Amino acid sequence: MQSILPDHLAQIPLIQFVFEDDLLLLMDENSEWFKILHDFPWQDYQEIAVLYYNALYEFNLLPTTAPELTGVARETEEQAKQRHMFERPTMQTDGDQLTPILYQGKTFVPELGCVSAEQVAPGVVPNRLVGRKPKCFFGMLKAFLGATLLNQKPEPEQVDSLLRNNPTFARACGYSPKNRENYEQYSFTHIPSLRKLEQFDQIMTQFGLWDKIKKFQVNDNLVHGVIEMENELAGDTTHYLAFSSFETLEYEDESGKTQKKSQSKTTKNCACKNWEECGHEWILADEGAGSVAKAGGKLYWAHKAAILGFPRQGAILDIIAVTDGASHDGQTLLPHVAHLFDLYPDVQSCVSRVLYDGACDDAQLKRIFEERYQVELKASLNPRRKKDIIKDLPRGIERITPYGNPICLAGHVMDYKGARYEAEKFIYAAPFNEQGESVCTGCPQRNDCCQSTTNGSRTITIPFDRLPHIDSNDPPMAKRFKAIMRRRSSVERMIKRIKCDFSDERLAKRGNASFQAYLDKSLIAYHLLLKHLA
């Protein structure tokens, strides 16, 4: 047991138990999870522990069911479905955005603070005048983060299974199994029950304590140089399959046409036998889930998360739940960058460019980034249903793609060489083959393309106005643009790490609050590993 006395008064342990499997795991290079739990920096989380114990006290005083609505006209289930549908961000206009695009969690300020930091440590819990001693905060925190480091879902069921079936894991978290002779006897040092683990996770989620730990851990890695500052951010969104089903609702749009929209089913948070008669509010069974459209016309019933990080290191800085899974990716970037800059001002002072995919290829959005943050938004070209140009083309050119790539009669894609701004034209030339020669040499289409009097390769120019959707000052065909955007692909590796290595793409809980807590736990474990390996 670790002492909470000051260093100059600390007592040397008289007896210390050493387990052989602990020594083996400490020497094993593949057992980073055990080393992190063994050397867990618990002092960093003392303030969070204080908030947890105070939140636990307040949680036990809360009513078990939601209060009935008084003085409000009772609505039917169908009315509630329509109300929830029109409250979703995807059903609101930009000028009337009542619901934020990104989920905003709760900040906990205890009203009945009776625990101090000096009263808590691993294996030391605050005393209560009545009732049993609570389970150790640090032990349950390590259990949830340890499960994530072991590539298990950070959910109570998986944590309970690890604690009961892996004695080394339980011991690393500071718990011991119950004594067979006095099995019914309670001790706060025993492995917590599944109910206690569920309560711990609920309190940490409901009072925003996972979010506090996440912000501290990311900021700590930034301050101590575990993550080096970069001048670029890369962003994207990803989806997690929802643990719920949906129903299809009909509504009339502004033009009077009947439209359909998928939405989570409605329910009530009460045990009343007749929901049509009781006064409790109708709520969505899985708030935040929506139809997420992916490439190839595939639709998934899922939650969506927005992610930002440094592309060169592949370091994740933040991942946040999108309020409505059906929201367009382009709507999430600006509020997410604003949220990140508010959390970590040092990042804002270093970043001069943000990289994103074609969902944010919008001139107005780029102008907002430049005016508000003096940051350049670099996005992949989105031609937005532009078609190939096949008329009035230069000699020997079959077509020009919406991405600004001319294709000759022989099927070769012309290389972009630059632009003549005084003439307002893009310049292209024939590419070279593997032998370093122009593809025009010996080409069967040469007589219809190149001048018969020359032996050189084909060069063409295309006026700017033939490709009005392409920014002539920053054309996506240029090598510099491609080199910069090549770094954006690192966000796919970030998503793989947080979604596959530290969690699972299939959720086991419902609602935005639980989804955000799931993301927070994964990101905390990720940054703990970065700190340990630094």
Protein backbone atom coordinates (compact mmCIF):
# COMPACT_ATOMS: atom_id res chain seq x y z
CA MET A 1 0.00 0.00 0.00
CA GLN A 2 1.32 3.44 -0.88
CA SER A 3 1.56 6.04 1.85
CA ILE A 4 -0.16 9.41 1.60
CA LEU A 5 2.18 11.01 4.13
CA PRO A 6 4.65 13.71 3.01
CA ASP A 7 7.94 12.39 1.63
CA HIS A 8 9.93 13.32 4.74
CA LEU A 9 7.44 11.39 6.93
CA ALA A 10 6.93 8.40 4.64
CA GLN A 11 7.37 5.05 6.35
CA ILE A 12 9.38 2.34 4.63
CA PRO A 13 7.16 -0.71 3.96
CA LEU A 14 7.97 -3.50 6.40
CA ILE A 15 6.70 -6.25 4.09
CA GLN A 16 6.60 -6.18 0.30
CA PHE A 17 5.04 -8.97 -1.75
CA VAL A 18 6.71 -9.76 -5.07
CA PHE A 19 4.91 -11.98 -7.60
CA GLU A 20 6.87 -13.86 -10.21
CA ASP A 21 4.40 -13.18 -13.03
CA ASP A 22 4.66 -9.45 -12.27
CA LEU A 23 8.42 -9.60 -12.76
CA LEU A 24 8.01 -11.47 -16.02
CA LEU A 25 5.52 -8.92 -17.35
CA LEU A 26 7.77 -6.03 -16.35
CA MET A 27 10.56 -7.55 -18.47
CA ASP A 28 8.28 -8.41 -21.40
CA GLU A 29 8.49 -5.78 -24.15
CA ASN A 30 4.96 -6.67 -25.33
CA SER A 31 3.31 -6.02 -21.95
CA GLU A 32 3.17 -2.25 -22.03
CA TRP A 33 -0.32 -2.34 -20.48
CA PHE A 34 1.06 -3.88 -17.28
CA LYS A 35 3.94 -1.42 -17.04
CA ILE A 36 1.54 1.51 -17.40
CA LEU A 37 -0.75 0.16 -14.66
CA HIS A 38 2.20 -0.80 -12.46
CA ASP A 39 3.74 2.70 -12.64
CA PHE A 40 0.44 4.55 -12.91
CA PRO A 41 0.93 8.29 -12.15
CA TRP A 42 -1.97 8.45 -9.67
CA GLN A 43 -0.91 11.83 -8.26
CA ASP A 44 -1.98 13.43 -11.56
CA TYR A 45 -5.56 12.34 -10.94
CA GLN A 46 -6.04 13.24 -7.27
CA GLU A 47 -8.25 16.22 -8.11
CA ILE A 48 -10.37 14.04 -10.38
CA ALA A 49 -10.65 11.50 -7.54
CA VAL A 50 -11.96 14.24 -5.25
CA LEU A 51 -14.57 15.21 -7.85
CA TYR A 52 -15.56 11.56 -8.25
CA TYR A 53 -16.11 10.91 -4.54
CA ASN A 54 -18.15 14.12 -4.23
CA ALA A 55 -20.09 13.19 -7.37
CA LEU A 56 -20.73 9.73 -5.90
CA TYR A 57 -22.26 11.34 -2.82
CA GLU A 58 -24.48 13.59 -4.95
CA PHE A 59 -25.35 10.70 -7.27
CA ASN A 60 -26.70 8.68 -4.36
CA LEU A 61 -29.01 11.60 -3.51
CA LEU A 62 -30.46 11.93 -7.02
CA PRO A 63 -33.96 10.55 -7.77
CA THR A 64 -33.94 7.23 -9.61
CA THR A 65 -36.47 8.38 -12.26
CA ALA A 66 -36.98 11.63 -14.14
CA PRO A 67 -39.59 13.99 -12.66
CA GLU A 68 -42.93 14.32 -14.39
CA LEU A 69 -43.55 17.40 -16.50
CA THR A 70 -45.97 19.80 -14.83
CA GLY A 71 -47.76 22.70 -16.46
CA VAL A 72 -46.90 21.36 -19.93
CA ALA A 73 -49.39 19.99 -22.44
CA ARG A 74 -48.99 16.24 -22.66
CA GLU A 75 -47.81 15.18 -26.14
CA THR A 76 -48.46 11.94 -27.95
CA GLU A 77 -45.69 9.65 -29.11
CA GLU A 78 -46.20 10.74 -32.73
CA GLN A 79 -45.92 14.40 -31.75
CA ALA A 80 -42.73 13.62 -29.83
CA LYS A 81 -41.24 11.89 -32.88
CA GLN A 82 -41.89 14.93 -35.06
CA ARG A 83 -40.54 17.30 -32.41
CA HIS A 84 -37.31 15.36 -32.01
CA MET A 85 -36.89 15.12 -35.78
CA PHE A 86 -37.11 18.88 -36.33
CA GLU A 87 -34.76 19.52 -33.39
CA ARG A 88 -31.97 17.59 -35.12
CA PRO A 89 -29.19 19.69 -36.72
CA THR A 90 -29.81 18.08 -40.11
CA MET A 91 -33.34 19.52 -40.11
CA GLN A 92 -32.31 23.08 -39.22
CA THR A 93 -31.08 25.85 -41.48
CA ASP A 94 -27.75 27.61 -40.93
CA GLY A 95 -29.50 30.76 -39.75
CA ASP A 96 -31.61 28.85 -37.24
CA GLN A 97 -29.11 26.37 -35.79
CA LEU A 98 -30.61 25.71 -32.36
CA THR A 99 -28.79 22.41 -31.76
CA PRO A 100 -24.96 22.47 -31.96
CA ILE A 101 -23.29 20.22 -34.51
CA LEU A 102 -20.84 18.80 -31.95
CA TYR A 103 -21.82 17.23 -28.65
CA GLN A 104 -21.31 19.47 -25.62
CA GLY A 105 -20.88 17.53 -22.39
CA LYS A 106 -21.54 18.54 -18.81
CA THR A 107 -18.98 20.26 -16.60
CA PHE A 108 -19.22 19.08 -12.97
CA VAL A 109 -18.96 21.55 -10.12
CA PRO A 110 -19.70 19.78 -6.80
CA GLU A 111 -22.22 21.46 -4.53
CA LEU A 112 -21.45 19.35 -1.50
CA GLY A 113 -17.65 19.12 -1.50
CA CYS A 114 -16.56 17.24 1.61
CA VAL A 115 -13.50 15.33 0.31
CA SER A 116 -10.00 16.77 -0.05
CA ALA A 117 -7.00 15.56 -2.04
CA GLU A 118 -5.15 14.55 1.14
CA GLN A 119 -7.84 11.93 1.85
CA VAL A 120 -7.47 9.93 -1.36
CA ALA A 121 -4.76 7.69 -2.78
CA PRO A 122 -4.54 4.18 -4.22
CA GLY A 123 -5.97 1.89 -1.56
CA VAL A 124 -7.09 4.86 0.55
CA VAL A 125 -10.71 6.00 0.33
CA PRO A 126 -12.55 8.73 2.25
CA ASN A 127 -14.58 7.71 5.29
CA ARG A 128 -18.33 8.21 5.43
CA LEU A 129 -20.37 8.67 8.57
CA VAL A 130 -22.79 5.97 7.41
CA GLY A 131 -22.66 3.18 4.89
CA ARG A 132 -19.83 1.13 3.42
CA LYS A 133 -16.57 2.55 2.22
CA PRO A 134 -16.62 3.23 -1.54
CA LYS A 135 -14.46 1.29 -3.93
CA CYS A 136 -11.12 2.87 -4.77
CA PHE A 137 -11.36 5.39 -7.61
CA PHE A 138 -7.82 4.74 -8.82
CA GLY A 139 -8.39 0.99 -9.03
CA MET A 140 -11.52 1.34 -11.18
CA LEU A 141 -9.88 4.03 -13.32
CA LYS A 142 -6.93 1.73 -14.03
CA ALA A 143 -9.29 -1.15 -14.75
CA PHE A 144 -11.14 0.78 -17.48
CA LEU A 145 -7.97 2.20 -19.03
CA GLY A 146 -6.23 -1.18 -18.76
CA ALA A 147 -9.07 -2.83 -20.66
CA THR A 148 -8.61 -0.27 -23.43
CA LEU A 149 -4.86 -0.90 -23.54
CA LEU A 150 -5.63 -4.61 -23.94
CA ASN A 151 -7.81 -3.81 -26.97
CA GLN A 152 -11.00 -4.57 -25.07
CA LYS A 153 -14.08 -2.39 -25.04
CA PRO A 154 -13.83 0.05 -22.09
CA GLU A 155 -17.27 -1.01 -20.87
CA PRO A 156 -18.25 -2.45 -17.47
CA GLU A 157 -18.96 -5.97 -18.80
CA GLN A 158 -15.48 -6.35 -20.35
CA VAL A 159 -13.77 -4.75 -17.33
CA ASP A 160 -15.64 -7.10 -14.96
CA SER A 161 -14.55 -10.12 -17.03
CA LEU A 162 -10.89 -9.05 -16.96
CA LEU A 163 -10.88 -8.42 -13.21
CA ARG A 164 -12.42 -11.81 -12.40
CA ASN A 165 -10.56 -13.95 -14.94
CA ASN A 166 -7.13 -12.33 -14.88
CA PRO A 167 -5.61 -12.21 -11.35
CA THR A 168 -2.57 -10.29 -12.57
CA PHE A 169 -4.79 -7.61 -14.09
CA ALA A 170 -6.82 -7.34 -10.88
CA ARG A 171 -3.67 -7.10 -8.77
CA ALA A 172 -2.25 -4.39 -11.06
CA CYS A 173 -5.43 -2.40 -10.48
CA GLY A 174 -5.08 -2.78 -6.70
CA TYR A 175 -7.84 -5.33 -6.06
CA SER A 176 -7.91 -8.81 -4.56
CA PRO A 177 -10.51 -11.60 -4.82
CA LYS A 178 -12.87 -12.31 -1.94
CA ASN A 179 -11.82 -14.70 0.82
CA ARG A 180 -13.58 -18.06 0.48
CA GLU A 181 -14.08 -18.38 4.22
CA ASN A 182 -15.73 -14.94 4.55
CA TYR A 183 -17.10 -14.60 1.03
CA GLU A 184 -20.03 -12.40 2.03
CA GLN A 185 -17.87 -9.99 4.02
CA TYR A 186 -17.48 -6.61 2.27
CA SER A 187 -14.15 -4.86 1.79
CA PHE A 188 -13.34 -1.91 -0.45
CA THR A 189 -10.16 -3.77 -1.50
CA HIS A 190 -12.15 -6.63 -3.06
CA ILE A 191 -12.84 -6.77 -6.80
CA PRO A 192 -15.84 -4.48 -7.41
CA SER A 193 -19.08 -6.01 -8.61
CA LEU A 194 -20.45 -5.41 -12.09
CA ARG A 195 -23.02 -3.05 -10.57
CA LYS A 196 -20.25 -0.94 -8.99
CA LEU A 197 -18.37 -0.78 -12.28
CA GLU A 198 -21.55 0.30 -14.07
CA GLN A 199 -22.13 2.95 -11.41
CA PHE A 200 -18.55 4.20 -11.72
CA ASP A 201 -18.81 4.52 -15.50
CA GLN A 202 -22.21 6.22 -15.22
CA ILE A 203 -20.92 8.80 -12.74
CA MET A 204 -17.77 9.49 -14.75
CA THR A 205 -19.93 9.96 -17.85
CA GLN A 206 -22.80 11.89 -16.31
CA PHE A 207 -20.56 14.40 -14.52
CA GLY A 208 -18.05 14.82 -17.39
CA LEU A 209 -15.06 13.37 -15.53
CA TRP A 210 -13.82 11.27 -18.47
CA ASP A 211 -13.70 14.51 -20.44
CA LYS A 212 -11.65 16.23 -17.72
CA ILE A 213 -9.09 13.41 -17.67
CA LYS A 214 -8.85 13.46 -21.46
CA LYS A 215 -8.16 17.20 -21.57
CA PHE A 216 -5.56 16.94 -18.82
CA GLN A 217 -3.74 14.03 -20.44
CA VAL A 218 -3.58 15.60 -23.90
CA ASN A 219 -2.45 18.94 -22.51
CA ASP A 220 0.16 17.21 -20.33
CA ASN A 221 1.66 15.48 -23.38
CA LEU A 222 1.72 18.77 -25.28
CA VAL A 223 3.35 20.70 -22.42
CA HIS A 224 6.05 18.08 -21.77
CA GLY A 225 6.93 17.59 -25.43
CA VAL A 226 5.62 14.06 -25.76
CA ILE A 227 3.77 15.44 -28.79
CA GLU A 228 5.74 18.04 -30.75
CA MET A 229 3.95 21.05 -32.15
CA GLU A 230 3.29 21.13 -35.90
CA ASN A 231 2.05 23.84 -38.23
CA GLU A 232 -0.64 21.60 -39.73
CA LEU A 233 -3.79 19.84 -38.56
CA ALA A 234 -5.48 16.96 -40.36
CA GLY A 235 -9.14 16.15 -39.83
CA ASP A 236 -11.84 13.73 -40.85
CA THR A 237 -14.89 11.91 -39.50
CA THR A 238 -15.51 8.25 -38.76
CA HIS A 239 -18.54 6.20 -37.77
CA TYR A 240 -19.26 3.65 -35.03
CA LEU A 241 -22.11 1.19 -35.56
CA ALA A 242 -25.00 2.05 -33.24
CA PHE A 243 -26.36 -0.32 -30.60
CA SER A 244 -29.96 0.36 -31.60
CA SER A 245 -32.50 0.19 -34.40
CA PHE A 246 -34.37 2.93 -36.25
CA GLU A 247 -37.70 3.75 -37.81
CA THR A 248 -38.56 5.75 -40.92
CA LEU A 249 -40.64 8.90 -40.42
CA GLU A 250 -42.46 10.98 -43.01
CA TYR A 251 -42.74 14.76 -43.09
CA GLU A 252 -43.54 17.57 -45.52
CA ASP A 253 -40.77 19.86 -46.70
CA GLU A 254 -41.09 23.57 -47.51
CA SER A 255 -42.45 22.82 -50.96
CA GLY A 256 -45.13 20.49 -49.60
CA LYS A 257 -43.50 17.28 -50.84
CA THR A 258 -43.49 14.19 -48.62
CA GLN A 259 -40.00 13.23 -47.48
CA LYS A 260 -38.63 10.38 -45.38
CA LYS A 261 -35.99 10.36 -42.65
CA SER A 262 -34.52 7.64 -40.45
CA GLN A 263 -34.62 8.28 -36.73
CA SER A 264 -34.05 6.47 -33.46
CA LYS A 265 -37.14 5.07 -31.78
CA THR A 266 -38.76 6.98 -28.90
CA THR A 267 -39.01 5.78 -25.31
CA LYS A 268 -39.48 7.04 -21.75
CA ASN A 269 -37.08 6.91 -18.84
CA CYS A 270 -39.62 5.62 -16.35
CA ALA A 271 -41.24 2.38 -15.16
CA CYS A 272 -44.82 3.53 -15.70
CA LYS A 273 -47.12 0.86 -17.13
CA ASN A 274 -48.99 3.22 -19.46
CA TRP A 275 -46.63 5.62 -21.24
CA GLU A 276 -49.46 7.31 -23.10
CA GLU A 277 -50.96 8.48 -19.81
CA CYS A 278 -47.90 9.24 -17.67
CA GLY A 279 -46.38 12.72 -17.53
CA HIS A 280 -42.76 11.79 -18.25
CA GLU A 281 -41.08 13.17 -21.37
CA TRP A 282 -40.65 11.17 -24.55
CA ILE A 283 -36.95 10.84 -25.41
CA LEU A 284 -34.94 9.24 -28.21
CA ALA A 285 -33.74 5.73 -27.37
CA ASP A 286 -30.37 6.42 -29.05
CA GLU A 287 -29.84 10.15 -29.32
CA GLY A 288 -27.25 11.05 -31.95
CA ALA A 289 -27.53 7.95 -34.13
CA GLY A 290 -28.30 8.59 -37.79
CA SER A 291 -27.92 7.30 -41.32
CA VAL A 292 -24.25 7.76 -42.21
CA ALA A 293 -23.59 7.80 -45.97
CA LYS A 294 -20.28 6.36 -47.16
CA ALA A 295 -18.65 5.77 -50.54
CA GLY A 296 -20.49 3.58 -52.98
CA GLY A 297 -23.90 4.64 -51.72
CA LYS A 298 -23.61 2.54 -48.55
CA LEU A 299 -25.66 3.62 -45.54
CA TYR A 300 -24.91 2.70 -41.92
CA TRP A 301 -27.03 3.25 -38.83
CA ALA A 302 -24.28 4.67 -36.69
CA HIS A 303 -22.86 7.44 -34.54
CA LYS A 304 -20.33 9.80 -36.10
CA ALA A 305 -17.18 11.27 -34.55
CA ALA A 306 -14.92 14.10 -35.73
CA ILE A 307 -11.15 13.70 -35.27
CA LEU A 308 -8.22 16.15 -35.42
CA GLY A 309 -4.50 15.54 -35.09
CA PHE A 310 -0.97 16.38 -36.20
CA PRO A 311 -0.36 14.64 -39.56
CA ARG A 312 3.43 14.25 -39.52
CA GLN A 313 3.46 12.41 -36.17
CA GLY A 314 0.02 10.88 -36.63
CA ALA A 315 -0.81 12.13 -33.12
CA ILE A 316 -4.50 12.44 -32.21
CA LEU A 317 -5.39 15.64 -30.36
CA ASP A 318 -9.16 15.37 -30.05
CA ILE A 319 -12.10 13.23 -31.06
CA ILE A 320 -15.63 14.40 -30.39
CA ALA A 321 -19.11 13.03 -31.02
CA VAL A 322 -21.26 14.63 -33.71
CA THR A 323 -24.71 15.49 -32.35
CA ASP A 324 -26.49 13.94 -35.34
CA GLY A 325 -24.83 11.06 -37.18
CA ALA A 326 -26.50 12.14 -40.44
CA SER A 327 -24.71 15.53 -40.44
CA HIS A 328 -22.52 16.41 -43.42
CA ASP A 329 -18.78 16.14 -42.76
CA GLY A 330 -18.17 19.69 -43.95
CA GLN A 331 -20.27 21.12 -41.11
CA THR A 332 -18.10 19.58 -38.37
CA LEU A 333 -14.66 21.00 -39.18
CA LEU A 334 -15.06 24.68 -38.23
CA PRO A 335 -16.68 24.10 -34.81
CA HIS A 336 -14.22 21.30 -34.07
CA VAL A 337 -11.17 23.45 -34.84
CA ALA A 338 -12.68 26.25 -32.73
CA HIS A 339 -13.20 23.78 -29.88
CA LEU A 340 -9.61 22.51 -30.15
CA PHE A 341 -8.15 26.02 -30.18
CA ASP A 342 -10.16 26.92 -27.08
CA LEU A 343 -8.83 23.87 -25.25
CA TYR A 344 -5.19 24.23 -26.29
CA PRO A 345 -4.23 27.84 -27.15
CA ASP A 346 -0.61 26.79 -27.83
CA VAL A 347 -1.83 24.66 -30.72
CA GLN A 348 -3.62 27.64 -32.24
CA SER A 349 -0.47 29.75 -32.11
CA CYS A 350 1.45 27.10 -34.09
CA VAL A 351 -1.08 25.92 -36.67
CA SER A 352 -1.18 27.73 -40.00
CA ARG A 353 -2.87 25.10 -42.18
CA VAL A 354 -5.72 22.58 -41.84
CA LEU A 355 -6.02 19.61 -44.18
CA TYR A 356 -9.35 17.98 -45.01
CA ASP A 357 -11.04 16.00 -47.76
CA GLY A 358 -13.38 17.28 -50.48
CA ALA A 359 -16.26 17.74 -48.04
CA CYS A 360 -14.69 21.09 -47.04
CA ASP A 361 -13.81 22.29 -50.53
CA ASP A 362 -15.84 25.46 -50.11
CA ALA A 363 -14.65 29.00 -50.85
CA GLN A 364 -16.73 30.57 -48.08
CA LEU A 365 -15.45 28.13 -45.47
CA LYS A 366 -11.86 28.77 -46.54
CA ARG A 367 -12.46 32.51 -46.23
CA ILE A 368 -13.84 32.09 -42.69
CA PHE A 369 -10.74 30.15 -41.62
CA GLU A 370 -8.49 32.84 -43.06
CA GLU A 371 -10.36 35.78 -41.51
CA ARG A 372 -11.05 34.23 -38.11
CA TYR A 373 -7.85 32.28 -37.39
CA GLN A 374 -5.40 33.31 -40.16
CA VAL A 375 -5.29 29.61 -41.04
CA GLU A 376 -5.24 28.18 -44.56
CA LEU A 377 -7.83 25.48 -45.19
CA LYS A 378 -6.50 22.99 -47.73
CA ALA A 379 -9.13 20.56 -49.05
CA SER A 380 -9.15 17.98 -51.81
CA LEU A 381 -10.94 19.12 -54.96
CA ASN A 382 -14.66 18.39 -54.96
CA PRO A 383 -15.99 18.86 -58.54
CA ARG A 384 -19.60 18.53 -57.29
CA ARG A 385 -21.14 16.57 -60.16
CA LYS A 386 -19.11 18.32 -62.84
CA LYS A 387 -18.89 16.27 -66.02
CA ASP A 388 -16.04 15.61 -68.41
CA ILE A 389 -15.41 18.33 -71.00
CA ILE A 390 -15.62 16.77 -74.46
CA LYS A 391 -16.24 19.75 -76.76
CA ASP A 392 -13.91 22.45 -78.17
CA LEU A 393 -10.77 20.67 -76.97
CA PRO A 394 -7.14 21.14 -78.08
CA ARG A 395 -5.93 18.95 -80.90
CA GLY A 396 -5.30 15.31 -79.88
CA ILE A 397 -7.18 15.60 -76.55
CA GLU A 398 -10.08 13.22 -75.99
CA ARG A 399 -11.53 14.79 -72.83
CA ILE A 400 -10.75 16.82 -69.70
CA THR A 401 -11.85 15.34 -66.36
CA PRO A 402 -13.58 17.48 -63.70
CA TYR A 403 -10.33 17.25 -61.70
CA GLY A 404 -8.48 19.22 -64.39
CA ASN A 405 -6.65 16.31 -66.02
CA PRO A 406 -6.58 16.28 -69.88
CA ILE A 407 -6.50 12.79 -71.43
CA CYS A 408 -5.10 12.40 -74.94
CA LEU A 409 -6.37 10.14 -77.73
CA ALA A 410 -3.89 7.42 -76.69
CA GLY A 411 -5.26 7.41 -73.13
CA HIS A 412 -2.33 9.19 -71.44
CA VAL A 413 -3.01 11.72 -68.67
CA MET A 414 -1.19 14.99 -69.41
CA ASP A 415 1.17 16.32 -66.74
CA TYR A 416 0.43 19.73 -65.22
CA LYS A 417 3.39 22.10 -65.68
CA GLY A 418 2.19 25.45 -64.44
CA ALA A 419 0.13 28.47 -65.46
CA ARG A 420 0.47 31.64 -67.53
CA TYR A 421 -1.36 34.14 -65.39
CA GLU A 422 -1.03 37.01 -67.88
CA ALA A 423 -2.79 34.81 -70.47
CA GLU A 424 -5.00 33.06 -67.85
CA LYS A 425 -4.16 29.56 -69.05
CA PHE A 426 -3.06 26.25 -67.51
CA ILE A 427 -0.07 24.51 -69.15
CA TYR A 428 0.14 20.74 -69.67
CA ALA A 429 2.69 18.49 -71.36
CA ALA A 430 2.82 14.83 -72.35
CA PRO A 431 4.22 12.52 -69.63
CA PHE A 432 7.39 10.42 -69.86
CA ASN A 433 7.54 6.63 -69.97
CA GLU A 434 9.70 4.31 -67.85
CA GLN A 435 12.66 4.82 -70.19
CA GLY A 436 12.54 8.58 -69.65
CA GLU A 437 11.22 9.31 -73.13
CA SER A 438 8.09 11.22 -74.05
CA VAL A 439 5.06 8.98 -74.65
CA CYS A 440 4.57 10.91 -77.90
CA THR A 441 7.61 9.17 -79.40
CA GLY A 442 6.31 6.35 -81.56
CA CYS A 443 2.70 7.02 -80.55
CA PRO A 444 0.20 5.76 -83.20
CA GLN A 445 -1.89 8.90 -82.62
CA ARG A 446 1.05 11.26 -83.23
CA ASN A 447 -0.09 12.44 -86.70
CA ASP A 448 -3.46 13.54 -85.25
CA CYS A 449 -1.92 15.21 -82.23
CA CYS A 450 1.64 16.53 -82.60
CA GLN A 451 3.00 18.79 -85.31
CA SER A 452 4.48 16.66 -88.08
CA THR A 453 7.42 19.03 -88.47
CA THR A 454 8.72 18.55 -84.89
CA ASN A 455 10.01 15.58 -82.91
CA GLY A 456 9.09 16.98 -79.49
CA SER A 457 6.25 16.03 -77.14
CA ARG A 458 2.78 17.53 -77.10
CA THR A 459 2.15 20.67 -75.03
CA ILE A 460 -1.27 22.25 -74.59
CA THR A 461 -2.87 25.15 -72.75
CA ILE A 462 -6.36 25.33 -71.27
CA PRO A 463 -8.03 28.66 -70.38
CA PHE A 464 -8.97 29.21 -66.74
CA ASP A 465 -12.62 29.74 -67.67
CA ARG A 466 -12.87 26.18 -69.05
CA LEU A 467 -12.30 24.96 -65.45
CA PRO A 468 -14.07 27.64 -63.36
CA HIS A 469 -14.36 25.38 -60.27
CA ILE A 470 -10.56 25.13 -59.97
CA ASP A 471 -8.67 27.81 -58.07
CA SER A 472 -6.02 29.04 -60.48
CA ASN A 473 -3.90 30.37 -57.58
CA ASP A 474 -3.81 26.95 -55.92
CA PRO A 475 -4.60 24.30 -58.54
CA PRO A 476 -4.98 20.73 -57.21
CA MET A 477 -3.03 19.41 -60.21
CA ALA A 478 0.18 21.06 -58.98
CA LYS A 479 2.93 18.95 -57.37
CA ARG A 480 3.06 21.20 -54.31
CA PHE A 481 -0.66 20.78 -53.69
CA LYS A 482 -0.38 17.00 -54.03
CA ALA A 483 2.63 16.87 -51.71
CA ILE A 484 0.77 18.79 -49.01
CA MET A 485 -2.44 16.76 -49.34
CA ARG A 486 -0.48 13.53 -49.20
CA ARG A 487 0.03 14.20 -45.48
CA ARG A 488 -3.73 14.30 -44.92
CA SER A 489 -3.93 10.53 -45.35
CA SER A 490 -2.27 10.14 -41.93
CA VAL A 491 -5.69 10.85 -40.40
CA GLU A 492 -6.77 7.42 -41.66
CA ARG A 493 -4.05 5.87 -39.49
CA MET A 494 -5.25 7.95 -36.54
CA ILE A 495 -8.76 6.60 -37.04
CA LYS A 496 -7.43 3.04 -37.23
CA ARG A 497 -5.56 3.45 -33.95
CA ILE A 498 -8.42 4.95 -31.97
CA LYS A 499 -11.17 2.88 -33.57
CA CYS A 500 -9.51 -0.54 -33.86
CA ASP A 501 -6.44 -0.63 -31.58
CA PHE A 502 -7.99 1.07 -28.55
CA SER A 503 -11.70 0.28 -28.92
CA ASP A 504 -14.20 -1.34 -31.26
CA GLU A 505 -16.35 0.05 -34.06
CA ARG A 506 -19.49 -1.55 -32.58
CA LEU A 507 -20.97 0.35 -29.65
CA ALA A 508 -22.52 -1.35 -26.63
CA LYS A 509 -24.36 1.68 -25.22
CA ARG A 510 -26.73 4.31 -26.52
CA GLY A 511 -26.80 8.09 -26.57
CA ASN A 512 -24.28 10.84 -27.27
CA ALA A 513 -23.09 11.04 -23.66
CA SER A 514 -22.12 7.35 -23.58
CA PHE A 515 -20.58 7.59 -27.04
CA GLN A 516 -18.46 10.59 -26.04
CA ALA A 517 -17.32 8.79 -22.88
CA TYR A 518 -16.35 5.80 -25.05
CA LEU A 519 -14.22 8.07 -27.24
CA ASP A 520 -12.68 9.80 -24.22
CA LYS A 521 -11.60 6.52 -22.61
CA SER A 522 -9.95 5.41 -25.83
CA LEU A 523 -8.11 8.72 -26.23
CA ILE A 524 -6.91 8.72 -22.59
CA ALA A 525 -5.41 5.24 -22.99
CA TYR A 526 -3.82 6.31 -26.29
CA HIS A 527 -2.09 9.30 -24.68
CA LEU A 528 -1.03 7.29 -21.63
CA LEU A 529 0.74 4.90 -24.00
CA LEU A 530 2.39 7.81 -25.83
CA LYS A 531 3.64 9.19 -22.52
CA HIS A 532 4.93 5.79 -21.43
CA LEU A 533 6.82 5.21 -24.69
CA ALA A 534 8.29 8.72 -24.85
